[in-house]
Amino acid sequence: MRKMSVASAPGKTILFGEHSVVYDEPAIAGAVNKRASVKIQESLNNYSTLKSYDLGFEVILNTRRGTYKLVKGKPGIIRYILNAMGKFHDHSNIDMTLGLNLPIGSGLGSSAAVTVATIAALHDYHGVPITKEKLAEEAHGVEQDVQGIASPLDTLVSTNGGLVYLSREKRIVRFDKPLDAPFVIGFTNKYGNTGKMVKHVRHLKDNYPELINPVISTMGKIANEARIAILKNDIDRIADLMNLNQGLLDGLGVNTYELSRMIYTARENGALASKITGSGGGGSIISLCKNSTVDNVANAINKEDSTIKVKFSGEGVLVNRRSPPFN
């Protein structure tokens, strides 16, 4: 029987703290019930392969050089996998399969989910014990290498799961109870580019610090107010804070026509609040709804764009060993 390891990790949605979290402000995010999965098998050939039936691509890998030869499709997320393999693989020949039911570039943390699952599967394949804290740190390092600058929030949430508050000191505090409200994620076919958007905000901050620093600080204060509101399950206050947060994101220039269209469509069809989730520039919005309006919101957005209804998930990274390598 061929040696094999399988790992999976969830995507995430950010409720509060996009962009400001890069500058050590607090944030609130949650793992969702959509995941990336990575299967690694010992190869019967004298080369390594990577394929994804979900994304429709197949490549032959050169893990030593960090390059690949395209067999078919467009492997848009492969840079994260190659970077992880360069750091954590011994370059033995393997066959890797990637499963993904998260839209790429939509602000739902697809790159973090893929990175966390890849590293977890590699460590398991090589029998390397690792803590979740270390896994999140390693995955963040990969995202930084690929994007140039990256928030640790995505990889922290993907590794640990649950609805979490990330403090200024990068300490994760899990909420004991799930947020009792339905959400609709809307996304367009215009993908966002996290690295580009983070660099855009950095440019504004460097050139207009007296204007942008207070905006970033206020976003942090909103996240702290939201933490209290979530603990009280004060849905109306959470909605107000989400809409306030969206105004600041708009001011940072990370909104687009398509995102704005979805935001106002959601609000006009019964959403209590709607805002960008993720880095913007394309990608996704998140809408807080009532049980009675969640279908109306989803149907309205679906006329021009796409939606998924998500639930927050308490499960983080999962590995298929009887004795998990986490402690």
Protein backbone atom coordinates (compact mmCIF):
# COMPACT_ATOMS: atom_id res chain seq x y z
CA MET A 1 0.00 0.00 0.00
CA ARG A 2 1.27 3.45 -0.90
CA LYS A 3 2.12 5.85 1.89
CA MET A 4 -0.63 8.50 2.15
CA SER A 5 -1.69 11.52 4.19
CA VAL A 6 -4.79 13.68 3.98
CA ALA A 7 -5.46 17.04 5.64
CA SER A 8 -8.17 19.65 5.32
CA ALA A 9 -8.65 23.18 6.59
CA PRO A 10 -11.60 25.60 6.53
CA GLY A 11 -11.98 28.89 4.80
CA LYS A 12 -12.91 31.93 6.81
CA THR A 13 -14.97 35.05 6.71
CA ILE A 14 -13.96 38.30 8.39
CA LEU A 15 -16.63 40.19 10.28
CA PHE A 16 -14.40 43.03 11.46
CA GLY A 17 -10.79 44.08 10.99
CA GLU A 18 -9.99 43.85 7.28
CA HIS A 19 -6.76 45.74 6.58
CA SER A 20 -6.50 47.21 10.07
CA VAL A 21 -5.41 43.81 11.39
CA VAL A 22 -2.25 44.14 9.28
CA TYR A 23 -1.31 47.07 11.54
CA ASP A 24 -1.87 45.19 14.81
CA GLU A 25 -5.46 46.25 15.38
CA PRO A 26 -7.92 43.61 16.66
CA ALA A 27 -10.18 41.64 14.35
CA ILE A 28 -13.05 39.18 14.45
CA ALA A 29 -13.33 36.30 12.03
CA GLY A 30 -14.82 32.86 11.83
CA ALA A 31 -14.10 29.57 10.13
CA VAL A 32 -16.82 28.53 7.70
CA ASN A 33 -18.14 25.14 6.70
CA LYS A 34 -16.32 25.17 3.34
CA ARG A 35 -12.85 23.60 3.15
CA ALA A 36 -9.68 22.87 1.20
CA SER A 37 -8.37 19.31 1.31
CA VAL A 38 -4.98 17.97 0.30
CA LYS A 39 -4.13 14.31 -0.28
CA ILE A 40 -0.49 13.26 -0.62
CA GLN A 41 0.50 9.81 -1.86
CA GLU A 42 3.85 8.24 -2.57
CA SER A 43 4.34 8.46 -6.35
CA LEU A 44 4.87 5.40 -8.52
CA ASN A 45 6.66 7.61 -11.05
CA ASN A 46 10.04 9.36 -10.91
CA TYR A 47 8.41 12.78 -10.65
CA SER A 48 5.79 14.61 -8.56
CA THR A 49 2.33 15.67 -9.67
CA LEU A 50 -0.42 17.98 -8.46
CA LYS A 51 -3.96 17.87 -9.74
CA SER A 52 -7.30 19.36 -8.77
CA TYR A 53 -10.56 18.07 -10.18
CA ASP A 54 -12.42 20.98 -8.56
CA LEU A 55 -10.21 23.61 -10.20
CA GLY A 56 -9.60 21.63 -13.38
CA PHE A 57 -5.82 21.62 -13.55
CA GLU A 58 -2.93 19.17 -13.53
CA VAL A 59 0.81 19.85 -13.36
CA ILE A 60 4.13 18.04 -13.02
CA LEU A 61 6.12 19.52 -10.15
CA ASN A 62 9.81 20.23 -9.71
CA THR A 63 9.80 20.78 -5.95
CA ARG A 64 13.54 21.51 -5.74
CA ARG A 65 13.31 24.42 -8.16
CA GLY A 66 9.80 25.48 -7.16
CA THR A 67 8.57 25.19 -10.75
CA TYR A 68 5.97 23.19 -12.62
CA LYS A 69 5.07 21.95 -16.10
CA LEU A 70 1.46 22.50 -17.04
CA VAL A 71 -0.46 19.46 -18.22
CA LYS A 72 -3.87 21.14 -18.36
CA GLY A 73 -5.89 24.00 -16.88
CA LYS A 74 -4.80 27.09 -14.95
CA PRO A 75 -3.35 26.40 -11.48
CA GLY A 76 -3.96 29.86 -10.02
CA ILE A 77 -3.28 28.90 -6.40
CA ILE A 78 -0.15 26.83 -7.01
CA ARG A 79 2.35 29.42 -5.72
CA TYR A 80 1.29 28.74 -2.14
CA ILE A 81 1.69 25.00 -2.57
CA LEU A 82 5.11 25.31 -4.22
CA ASN A 83 6.35 27.63 -1.48
CA ALA A 84 5.15 25.24 1.24
CA MET A 85 6.73 22.27 -0.50
CA GLY A 86 10.03 24.10 -0.81
CA LYS A 87 10.07 24.59 2.95
CA PHE A 88 8.53 21.40 4.32
CA HIS A 89 9.00 18.62 1.75
CA ASP A 90 12.06 16.42 1.32
CA HIS A 91 11.60 16.43 -2.48
CA SER A 92 10.74 12.75 -2.70
CA ASN A 93 8.29 11.98 -5.52
CA ILE A 94 4.65 12.38 -4.52
CA ASP A 95 1.22 12.66 -6.10
CA MET A 96 -0.83 15.47 -4.59
CA THR A 97 -4.56 16.07 -5.05
CA LEU A 98 -6.22 19.36 -4.08
CA GLY A 99 -9.93 19.61 -3.32
CA LEU A 100 -11.51 23.04 -2.86
CA ASN A 101 -15.14 24.08 -2.39
CA LEU A 102 -14.19 27.71 -1.75
CA PRO A 103 -14.18 30.27 -4.58
CA ILE A 104 -10.64 31.55 -5.22
CA GLY A 105 -9.97 35.25 -4.73
CA SER A 106 -13.33 35.80 -3.06
CA GLY A 107 -12.12 36.90 0.37
CA LEU A 108 -13.00 33.58 1.98
CA GLY A 109 -9.42 32.63 2.79
CA SER A 110 -8.94 30.04 0.05
CA SER A 111 -5.16 30.57 -0.06
CA ALA A 112 -4.86 30.20 3.71
CA ALA A 113 -7.01 27.06 3.71
CA VAL A 114 -4.91 25.53 0.93
CA THR A 115 -1.66 26.53 2.65
CA VAL A 116 -2.66 25.18 6.06
CA ALA A 117 -3.95 21.92 4.59
CA THR A 118 -0.80 21.51 2.46
CA ILE A 119 1.61 22.05 5.35
CA ALA A 120 -0.41 19.82 7.68
CA ALA A 121 -0.48 17.03 5.10
CA LEU A 122 3.27 17.38 4.43
CA HIS A 123 4.16 17.22 8.13
CA ASP A 124 1.89 14.23 8.59
CA TYR A 125 3.35 12.51 5.53
CA HIS A 126 6.87 12.96 6.91
CA GLY A 127 5.86 12.09 10.49
CA VAL A 128 6.76 15.52 11.85
CA PRO A 129 4.84 16.49 15.04
CA ILE A 130 3.67 20.09 15.13
CA THR A 131 1.44 22.27 17.30
CA LYS A 132 -1.43 24.26 15.87
CA GLU A 133 0.34 27.42 16.97
CA LYS A 134 3.41 26.49 14.94
CA LEU A 135 1.32 25.39 11.95
CA ALA A 136 -0.46 28.76 11.82
CA GLU A 137 2.91 30.51 12.04
CA GLU A 138 4.39 28.45 9.22
CA ALA A 139 1.35 28.99 7.01
CA HIS A 140 1.49 32.73 7.65
CA GLY A 141 5.13 32.68 6.55
CA VAL A 142 4.15 31.08 3.25
CA GLU A 143 1.43 33.69 2.67
CA GLN A 144 3.91 36.47 3.40
CA ASP A 145 6.40 35.01 0.93
CA VAL A 146 3.79 34.82 -1.82
CA GLN A 147 1.88 38.05 -1.16
CA GLY A 148 4.70 40.24 0.13
CA ILE A 149 2.67 41.25 3.19
CA ALA A 150 -0.11 39.25 4.84
CA SER A 151 -2.28 39.27 7.91
CA PRO A 152 -1.91 36.29 10.28
CA LEU A 153 -5.68 36.19 10.77
CA ASP A 154 -6.57 33.89 7.87
CA THR A 155 -4.10 31.17 8.80
CA LEU A 156 -4.91 31.44 12.51
CA VAL A 157 -8.62 30.94 11.87
CA SER A 158 -8.09 28.20 9.29
CA THR A 159 -5.85 26.30 11.71
CA ASN A 160 -7.95 26.71 14.85
CA GLY A 161 -11.53 26.98 13.58
CA GLY A 162 -14.40 28.66 15.42
CA LEU A 163 -15.48 32.29 15.72
CA VAL A 164 -12.55 34.17 17.18
CA TYR A 165 -11.35 37.55 18.39
CA LEU A 166 -7.74 38.34 17.52
CA SER A 167 -6.20 40.78 20.00
CA ARG A 168 -3.58 43.40 19.27
CA GLU A 169 -1.05 40.99 20.79
CA LYS A 170 -2.09 38.34 18.22
CA ARG A 171 -3.76 36.27 20.93
CA ILE A 172 -6.80 34.29 19.82
CA VAL A 173 -9.86 34.29 22.06
CA ARG A 174 -12.61 31.93 20.94
CA PHE A 175 -16.22 32.88 21.52
CA ASP A 176 -17.92 30.22 23.63
CA LYS A 177 -21.24 30.47 21.80
CA PRO A 178 -21.84 30.75 18.05
CA LEU A 179 -23.33 33.97 16.74
CA ASP A 180 -27.04 33.27 16.47
CA ALA A 181 -27.74 34.86 13.09
CA PRO A 182 -27.71 33.74 9.44
CA PHE A 183 -25.21 35.14 6.93
CA VAL A 184 -25.11 35.29 3.16
CA ILE A 185 -21.79 35.58 1.35
CA GLY A 186 -22.03 37.25 -2.04
CA PHE A 187 -19.20 37.07 -4.56
CA THR A 188 -18.58 38.24 -8.10
CA ASN A 189 -16.55 36.73 -10.91
CA LYS A 190 -14.11 39.62 -10.48
CA TYR A 191 -11.50 38.19 -8.13
CA GLY A 192 -9.71 40.30 -5.58
CA ASN A 193 -5.95 40.39 -5.20
CA THR A 194 -5.08 40.45 -1.51
CA GLY A 195 -1.46 41.42 -2.02
CA LYS A 196 -2.39 44.30 -4.32
CA MET A 197 -5.04 45.65 -1.94
CA VAL A 198 -2.77 45.40 1.11
CA LYS A 199 -0.07 47.29 -0.77
CA HIS A 200 -2.62 49.92 -1.83
CA VAL A 201 -3.59 50.61 1.79
CA ARG A 202 0.08 50.63 2.78
CA HIS A 203 0.70 53.27 0.09
CA LEU A 204 -2.10 55.45 1.47
CA LYS A 205 -0.87 55.01 5.02
CA ASP A 206 2.71 55.93 4.08
CA ASN A 207 1.67 58.98 2.08
CA TYR A 208 -1.20 60.27 4.24
CA PRO A 209 -0.47 59.02 7.78
CA GLU A 210 -2.40 61.80 9.53
CA LEU A 211 -5.53 60.83 7.59
CA ILE A 212 -5.23 57.04 7.35
CA ASN A 213 -3.88 56.20 10.81
CA PRO A 214 -7.09 57.43 12.53
CA VAL A 215 -9.17 55.36 10.08
CA ILE A 216 -7.21 52.22 10.92
CA SER A 217 -7.43 52.98 14.65
CA THR A 218 -11.20 53.48 14.40
CA MET A 219 -11.56 50.12 12.68
CA GLY A 220 -9.81 48.56 15.65
CA LYS A 221 -12.22 50.30 18.03
CA ILE A 222 -15.15 48.97 15.99
CA ALA A 223 -13.79 45.42 16.35
CA ASN A 224 -13.58 45.87 20.13
CA GLU A 225 -17.15 47.19 20.27
CA ALA A 226 -18.27 44.25 18.13
CA ARG A 227 -16.65 41.78 20.51
CA ILE A 228 -18.85 43.06 23.33
CA ALA A 229 -21.93 43.00 21.09
CA ILE A 230 -21.26 39.40 20.04
CA LEU A 231 -20.85 38.30 23.65
CA LYS A 232 -24.28 39.85 24.34
CA ASN A 233 -25.71 38.53 21.05
CA ASP A 234 -26.82 42.10 20.35
CA ILE A 235 -27.66 41.64 16.67
CA ASP A 236 -28.80 45.24 16.08
CA ARG A 237 -25.54 46.64 17.44
CA ILE A 238 -23.49 44.16 15.40
CA ALA A 239 -25.38 45.32 12.31
CA ASP A 240 -24.67 49.00 13.04
CA LEU A 241 -20.98 48.28 13.52
CA MET A 242 -20.77 46.26 10.29
CA ASN A 243 -22.25 49.13 8.31
CA LEU A 244 -19.92 51.63 9.97
CA ASN A 245 -16.98 49.39 9.16
CA GLN A 246 -18.04 49.29 5.51
CA GLY A 247 -17.95 53.07 5.32
CA LEU A 248 -14.32 53.06 6.44
CA LEU A 249 -13.38 50.32 3.98
CA ASP A 250 -14.98 52.38 1.23
CA GLY A 251 -12.86 55.33 2.37
CA LEU A 252 -9.70 53.23 2.01
CA GLY A 253 -10.52 52.68 -1.65
CA VAL A 254 -10.86 48.91 -1.54
CA ASN A 255 -14.49 48.87 -2.70
CA THR A 256 -15.57 48.24 -6.28
CA TYR A 257 -18.74 48.82 -8.25
CA GLU A 258 -19.59 45.12 -8.10
CA LEU A 259 -19.09 44.87 -4.35
CA SER A 260 -21.07 48.04 -3.75
CA ARG A 261 -23.91 46.74 -5.94
CA MET A 262 -24.13 43.58 -3.86
CA ILE A 263 -23.97 45.51 -0.58
CA TYR A 264 -26.88 47.75 -1.49
CA THR A 265 -28.85 44.91 -3.06
CA ALA A 266 -28.54 43.00 0.21
CA ARG A 267 -29.58 45.96 2.34
CA GLU A 268 -32.52 46.79 0.08
CA ASN A 269 -33.78 43.21 0.33
CA GLY A 270 -33.81 42.85 4.07
CA ALA A 271 -30.21 42.46 5.24
CA LEU A 272 -29.58 44.15 8.57
CA ALA A 273 -26.01 44.90 7.48
CA SER A 274 -23.71 44.24 4.58
CA LYS A 275 -20.02 44.89 4.10
CA ILE A 276 -16.91 43.71 2.30
CA THR A 277 -15.30 40.64 3.79
CA GLY A 278 -11.65 40.19 2.95
CA SER A 279 -9.28 42.56 1.23
CA GLY A 280 -11.69 43.99 -1.34
CA GLY A 281 -10.86 44.98 -4.89
CA GLY A 282 -13.22 42.20 -5.95
CA GLY A 283 -14.17 39.09 -4.06
CA SER A 284 -16.91 38.96 -1.46
CA ILE A 285 -19.35 40.70 0.81
CA ILE A 286 -20.97 39.35 3.96
CA SER A 287 -24.57 40.15 4.84
CA LEU A 288 -26.14 39.76 8.27
CA CYS A 289 -29.76 38.70 7.84
CA LYS A 290 -32.85 37.73 9.73
CA ASN A 291 -34.11 34.17 9.35
CA SER A 292 -37.09 35.62 7.49
CA THR A 293 -34.98 37.54 4.97
CA VAL A 294 -31.97 35.33 4.29
CA ASP A 295 -33.53 33.73 1.19
CA ASN A 296 -34.68 37.10 -0.16
CA VAL A 297 -31.16 38.49 0.18
CA ALA A 298 -29.55 35.48 -1.48
CA ASN A 299 -32.06 35.42 -4.35
CA ALA A 300 -31.66 39.14 -5.01
CA ILE A 301 -27.86 38.96 -5.20
CA ASN A 302 -28.01 35.83 -7.34
CA LYS A 303 -29.69 37.78 -10.15
CA GLU A 304 -26.32 39.27 -11.12
CA ASP A 305 -23.75 37.58 -8.90
CA SER A 306 -23.40 34.43 -6.79
CA THR A 307 -23.99 33.56 -3.16
CA ILE A 308 -23.37 30.87 -0.60
CA LYS A 309 -25.03 30.58 2.77
CA VAL A 310 -22.43 29.84 5.39
CA LYS A 311 -22.37 28.61 8.92
CA PHE A 312 -19.55 29.23 11.32
CA SER A 313 -17.60 26.04 11.97
CA GLY A 314 -15.85 25.02 15.15
CA GLU A 315 -13.55 22.66 13.26
CA GLY A 316 -10.10 23.83 12.25
CA VAL A 317 -7.45 21.78 10.50
CA LEU A 318 -8.07 18.02 10.39
CA VAL A 319 -5.52 15.29 9.69
CA ASN A 320 -6.27 11.64 9.00
CA ARG A 321 -4.00 10.02 11.57
CA ARG A 322 -5.23 7.96 14.51
CA SER A 323 -2.71 9.87 16.61
CA PRO A 324 -2.98 13.48 15.36
CA PRO A 325 0.36 15.29 15.11
CA PHE A 326 -1.03 18.26 17.06
CA ASN A 327 -0.53 18.81 20.76
